[in-house]
Amino acid sequence: MTGIAPRTDASPPSRLALRLAWAGLWLLLAIASVEFLLAAYGKYRHLDSAAYGMFMTRRGWLWLHLAGGLTTVLLGPVQFLTQWRLRQPRLHRLTGRIYLVGMLVAATGAIGLIATSPAPFAIRAAFAATALAWLTTALTGLAAILRGAVERHRRWMVRNYAVTLAPIIFRLSLPLAIAGGLAPSPALIATLLWCSWIVPLLVCEAVRRLAGLRRSARARASAGAVPLPDAR
């Protein structure tokens, strides 16, 4: 009888653990995003709210930024639903266009806020770098899909959404830093602003490379699966 040498693919339990880990990560991101949206948008729900503070005279830029940011935070996860993307490509493209428009609106508001901000230069530079990273990753992803490079487009839009989550990560990291005994100085705020998008990008790259190594190992294992000698 002729057989095939056993393959070394990941076992079902390991695949289940990986899926559960990804589901847990998305759940944590969803909880953090909802908390951020409720806190940030609830704070400015009244036009005469004293919570506006220094934003009162610049509230037009703030509203642009908040409106566009809400669109990107909510639509981003939908774009990564693989089955939906494959079954509804037209809707995927439509929501992608809405996502990009929302990002451009939010970036316009961010640029206006940065240009009129009385904050120290270090903080304004950190905000500007975040906006630049946000625009760069999105436009690179857009250029890729216009050339038909689907996989490259997917990679860059994952990076873009990592930058989209920067305000949420910053909101989580600042109280933790203060609780750790650090004073909320301009230097600390600027550092956390930089880290809020650089660290997620590094994590994305690490995960992508690990996944690539895993696929390569599977491919080598499959190529090495040779027929066993006939037992007859």
Protein backbone atom coordinates (compact mmCIF):
# COMPACT_ATOMS: atom_id res chain seq x y z
CA MET A 1 0.00 0.00 0.00
CA THR A 2 1.30 3.47 -0.90
CA GLY A 3 1.19 6.24 1.71
CA ILE A 4 2.23 9.82 2.24
CA ALA A 5 4.69 10.97 4.86
CA PRO A 6 2.92 12.83 7.69
CA ARG A 7 2.77 16.60 7.48
CA THR A 8 3.78 18.88 10.32
CA ASP A 9 0.96 21.43 10.11
CA ALA A 10 -0.22 23.05 13.29
CA SER A 11 -2.59 20.86 15.26
CA PRO A 12 -6.28 21.80 15.61
CA PRO A 13 -5.80 22.79 19.28
CA SER A 14 -3.02 25.21 18.36
CA ARG A 15 -5.13 26.75 15.59
CA LEU A 16 -8.02 27.09 18.03
CA ALA A 17 -5.74 28.78 20.56
CA LEU A 18 -4.54 31.21 17.89
CA ARG A 19 -8.09 32.06 16.89
CA LEU A 20 -9.09 32.56 20.52
CA ALA A 21 -6.07 34.82 21.04
CA TRP A 22 -7.04 36.97 18.03
CA ALA A 23 -10.67 37.06 19.21
CA GLY A 24 -9.50 38.17 22.66
CA LEU A 25 -7.32 40.89 21.15
CA TRP A 26 -10.19 42.21 19.01
CA LEU A 27 -12.48 42.14 22.07
CA LEU A 28 -10.00 44.19 24.10
CA LEU A 29 -9.64 46.67 21.24
CA ALA A 30 -13.42 46.91 20.95
CA ILE A 31 -13.84 47.59 24.68
CA ALA A 32 -11.06 50.20 24.66
CA SER A 33 -12.50 51.84 21.54
CA VAL A 34 -16.02 52.04 22.95
CA GLU A 35 -14.71 53.51 26.21
CA PHE A 36 -12.66 56.06 24.29
CA LEU A 37 -15.56 57.05 22.05
CA LEU A 38 -17.96 57.42 24.97
CA ALA A 39 -15.48 59.49 26.95
CA ALA A 40 -14.20 61.69 24.12
CA TYR A 41 -17.46 62.28 22.30
CA GLY A 42 -19.56 62.47 25.43
CA LYS A 43 -17.27 65.17 26.75
CA TYR A 44 -18.08 67.50 23.85
CA ARG A 45 -21.75 66.65 23.31
CA HIS A 46 -22.90 70.06 24.62
CA LEU A 47 -21.87 73.03 22.49
CA ASP A 48 -21.56 75.29 25.53
CA SER A 49 -19.68 72.74 27.59
CA ALA A 50 -16.87 74.06 29.76
CA ALA A 51 -15.02 70.85 28.90
CA TYR A 52 -13.92 72.41 25.61
CA GLY A 53 -11.38 74.53 27.43
CA MET A 54 -8.71 75.70 25.00
CA PHE A 55 -10.61 74.02 22.16
CA MET A 56 -13.57 76.39 22.45
CA THR A 57 -12.22 78.85 19.90
CA ARG A 58 -11.02 75.98 17.69
CA ARG A 59 -14.02 73.73 18.01
CA GLY A 60 -14.59 73.64 14.24
CA TRP A 61 -11.26 71.85 13.76
CA LEU A 62 -12.08 69.63 16.73
CA TRP A 63 -15.44 68.60 15.28
CA LEU A 64 -13.84 67.73 11.97
CA HIS A 65 -11.26 65.62 13.72
CA LEU A 66 -13.82 63.84 15.91
CA ALA A 67 -16.27 63.17 13.07
CA GLY A 68 -13.64 61.72 10.78
CA GLY A 69 -12.01 59.78 13.60
CA LEU A 70 -15.33 58.19 14.57
CA THR A 71 -15.77 56.97 11.00
CA THR A 72 -12.34 55.35 10.85
CA VAL A 73 -12.52 53.70 14.27
CA LEU A 74 -15.91 52.14 13.51
CA LEU A 75 -15.31 51.11 9.88
CA GLY A 76 -11.74 49.86 10.31
CA PRO A 77 -12.56 46.46 11.88
CA VAL A 78 -15.25 45.78 9.25
CA GLN A 79 -12.61 46.00 6.52
CA PHE A 80 -10.65 43.15 8.09
CA LEU A 81 -13.51 40.64 8.10
CA THR A 82 -12.10 38.19 5.55
CA GLN A 83 -15.26 36.32 4.63
CA TRP A 84 -17.29 39.51 4.28
CA ARG A 85 -14.54 41.05 2.15
CA LEU A 86 -14.54 38.06 -0.19
CA ARG A 87 -18.31 37.71 -0.43
CA GLN A 88 -19.12 41.41 -0.71
CA PRO A 89 -16.22 43.01 -2.61
CA ARG A 90 -18.31 45.99 -3.72
CA LEU A 91 -19.34 46.81 -0.17
CA HIS A 92 -15.74 46.37 0.91
CA ARG A 93 -14.63 48.92 -1.66
CA LEU A 94 -17.47 51.29 -0.70
CA THR A 95 -16.70 51.17 3.01
CA GLY A 96 -13.02 51.53 2.15
CA ARG A 97 -13.73 54.77 0.30
CA ILE A 98 -15.84 56.04 3.21
CA TYR A 99 -13.02 55.09 5.58
CA LEU A 100 -10.48 57.06 3.54
CA VAL A 101 -12.77 60.10 3.31
CA GLY A 102 -13.29 59.97 7.07
CA MET A 103 -9.55 59.73 7.59
CA LEU A 104 -8.92 62.76 5.36
CA VAL A 105 -11.57 64.75 7.26
CA ALA A 106 -10.03 63.76 10.58
CA ALA A 107 -6.52 64.56 9.33
CA THR A 108 -7.69 67.98 8.14
CA GLY A 109 -9.08 68.69 11.60
CA ALA A 110 -5.86 67.44 13.19
CA ILE A 111 -3.73 69.72 11.02
CA GLY A 112 -5.92 72.70 11.97
CA LEU A 113 -5.65 71.85 15.66
CA ILE A 114 -1.88 71.42 15.47
CA ALA A 115 -1.40 74.69 13.57
CA THR A 116 -3.41 76.66 16.14
CA SER A 117 -2.29 74.82 19.27
CA PRO A 118 -0.56 76.69 22.12
CA ALA A 119 1.04 73.42 23.28
CA PRO A 120 4.85 73.08 23.50
CA PHE A 121 6.66 72.27 20.27
CA ALA A 122 7.48 68.71 21.37
CA ILE A 123 3.79 67.87 21.73
CA ARG A 124 2.83 69.55 18.45
CA ALA A 125 5.64 67.71 16.65
CA ALA A 126 4.46 64.38 18.08
CA PHE A 127 0.88 65.05 16.95
CA ALA A 128 2.14 66.08 13.51
CA ALA A 129 4.19 62.89 13.20
CA THR A 130 1.12 60.83 14.06
CA ALA A 131 -0.94 62.59 11.39
CA LEU A 132 1.85 62.13 8.84
CA ALA A 133 2.12 58.41 9.63
CA TRP A 134 -1.65 58.10 9.33
CA LEU A 135 -1.75 59.76 5.92
CA THR A 136 1.35 57.97 4.62
CA THR A 137 0.14 54.47 5.47
CA ALA A 138 -3.32 55.14 3.98
CA LEU A 139 -2.06 56.69 0.75
CA THR A 140 0.48 53.89 0.30
CA GLY A 141 -2.30 51.34 0.73
CA LEU A 142 -4.49 53.23 -1.74
CA ALA A 143 -1.69 53.36 -4.32
CA ALA A 144 -1.15 49.62 -3.90
CA ILE A 145 -4.77 48.66 -4.58
CA LEU A 146 -4.95 51.01 -7.57
CA ARG A 147 -2.07 49.01 -9.03
CA GLY A 148 -3.81 45.73 -8.23
CA ALA A 149 -1.35 44.77 -5.46
CA VAL A 150 -3.98 43.33 -3.08
CA GLU A 151 -1.62 41.79 -0.54
CA ARG A 152 0.49 44.93 -0.32
CA HIS A 153 -2.70 46.98 0.07
CA ARG A 154 -3.84 44.74 2.91
CA ARG A 155 -0.53 45.06 4.75
CA TRP A 156 -0.50 48.85 4.54
CA MET A 157 -4.11 49.21 5.64
CA VAL A 158 -3.40 47.03 8.68
CA ARG A 159 -0.57 49.45 9.48
CA ASN A 160 -2.90 52.37 8.90
CA TYR A 161 -5.48 51.04 11.33
CA ALA A 162 -2.72 50.53 13.90
CA VAL A 163 -2.02 54.26 13.61
CA THR A 164 -5.78 54.97 13.75
CA LEU A 165 -5.82 53.45 17.22
CA ALA A 166 -3.05 55.77 18.45
CA PRO A 167 -5.39 58.14 20.38
CA ILE A 168 -6.96 55.17 22.16
CA ILE A 169 -3.57 53.72 23.07
CA PHE A 170 -2.40 57.14 24.26
CA ARG A 171 -5.49 57.52 26.43
CA LEU A 172 -4.75 54.15 28.05
CA SER A 173 -1.02 54.68 28.46
CA LEU A 174 -1.05 58.17 30.04
CA PRO A 175 -2.93 57.17 33.24
CA LEU A 176 -0.72 54.09 33.52
CA ALA A 177 2.41 56.22 33.26
CA ILE A 178 1.11 58.64 35.88
CA ALA A 179 0.12 55.75 38.15
CA GLY A 180 3.67 54.47 37.75
CA GLY A 181 4.98 57.66 39.31
CA LEU A 182 5.81 59.69 36.20
CA ALA A 183 4.87 63.36 36.16
CA PRO A 184 2.54 64.42 33.28
CA SER A 185 5.14 66.70 31.71
CA PRO A 186 5.27 67.81 28.06
CA ALA A 187 8.20 65.43 27.55
CA LEU A 188 6.17 62.47 28.85
CA ILE A 189 3.13 63.38 26.77
CA ALA A 190 5.24 63.76 23.62
CA THR A 191 6.98 60.44 24.25
CA LEU A 192 3.69 58.62 24.75
CA LEU A 193 2.27 60.21 21.60
CA TRP A 194 5.21 58.86 19.58
CA CYS A 195 4.95 55.44 21.21
CA SER A 196 1.18 55.24 20.68
CA TRP A 197 1.68 54.61 16.96
CA ILE A 198 5.29 53.41 16.67
CA VAL A 199 4.85 50.50 19.11
CA PRO A 200 1.66 49.18 17.39
CA LEU A 201 3.44 49.36 14.01
CA LEU A 202 6.36 47.37 15.41
CA VAL A 203 3.94 44.81 16.83
CA CYS A 204 2.19 44.53 13.45
CA GLU A 205 5.51 43.92 11.71
CA ALA A 206 6.56 41.32 14.27
CA VAL A 207 3.27 39.45 13.92
CA ARG A 208 3.45 39.61 10.12
CA ARG A 209 7.00 38.26 10.06
CA LEU A 210 6.18 35.46 12.48
CA ALA A 211 3.17 34.52 10.37
CA GLY A 212 5.40 34.51 7.27
CA LEU A 213 7.92 32.23 8.97
CA ARG A 214 5.12 29.90 9.96
CA ARG A 215 3.77 29.75 6.41
CA SER A 216 7.26 29.09 5.08
CA ALA A 217 7.71 26.24 7.54
CA ARG A 218 4.41 24.73 6.45
CA ALA A 219 5.34 25.07 2.80
CA ARG A 220 8.67 23.32 3.40
CA ALA A 221 6.92 20.59 5.34
CA SER A 222 4.42 20.09 2.51
CA ALA A 223 7.20 19.99 -0.07
CA GLY A 224 8.96 17.37 2.01
CA ALA A 225 5.93 15.08 2.15
CA VAL A 226 7.10 12.27 -0.15
CA PRO A 227 5.24 9.08 -1.05
CA LEU A 228 6.17 6.10 1.13
CA PRO A 229 7.41 2.94 -0.56
CA ASP A 230 4.81 0.45 -1.68
CA ALA A 231 4.29 -2.03 1.13
CA ARG A 232 3.27 -4.83 -1.19
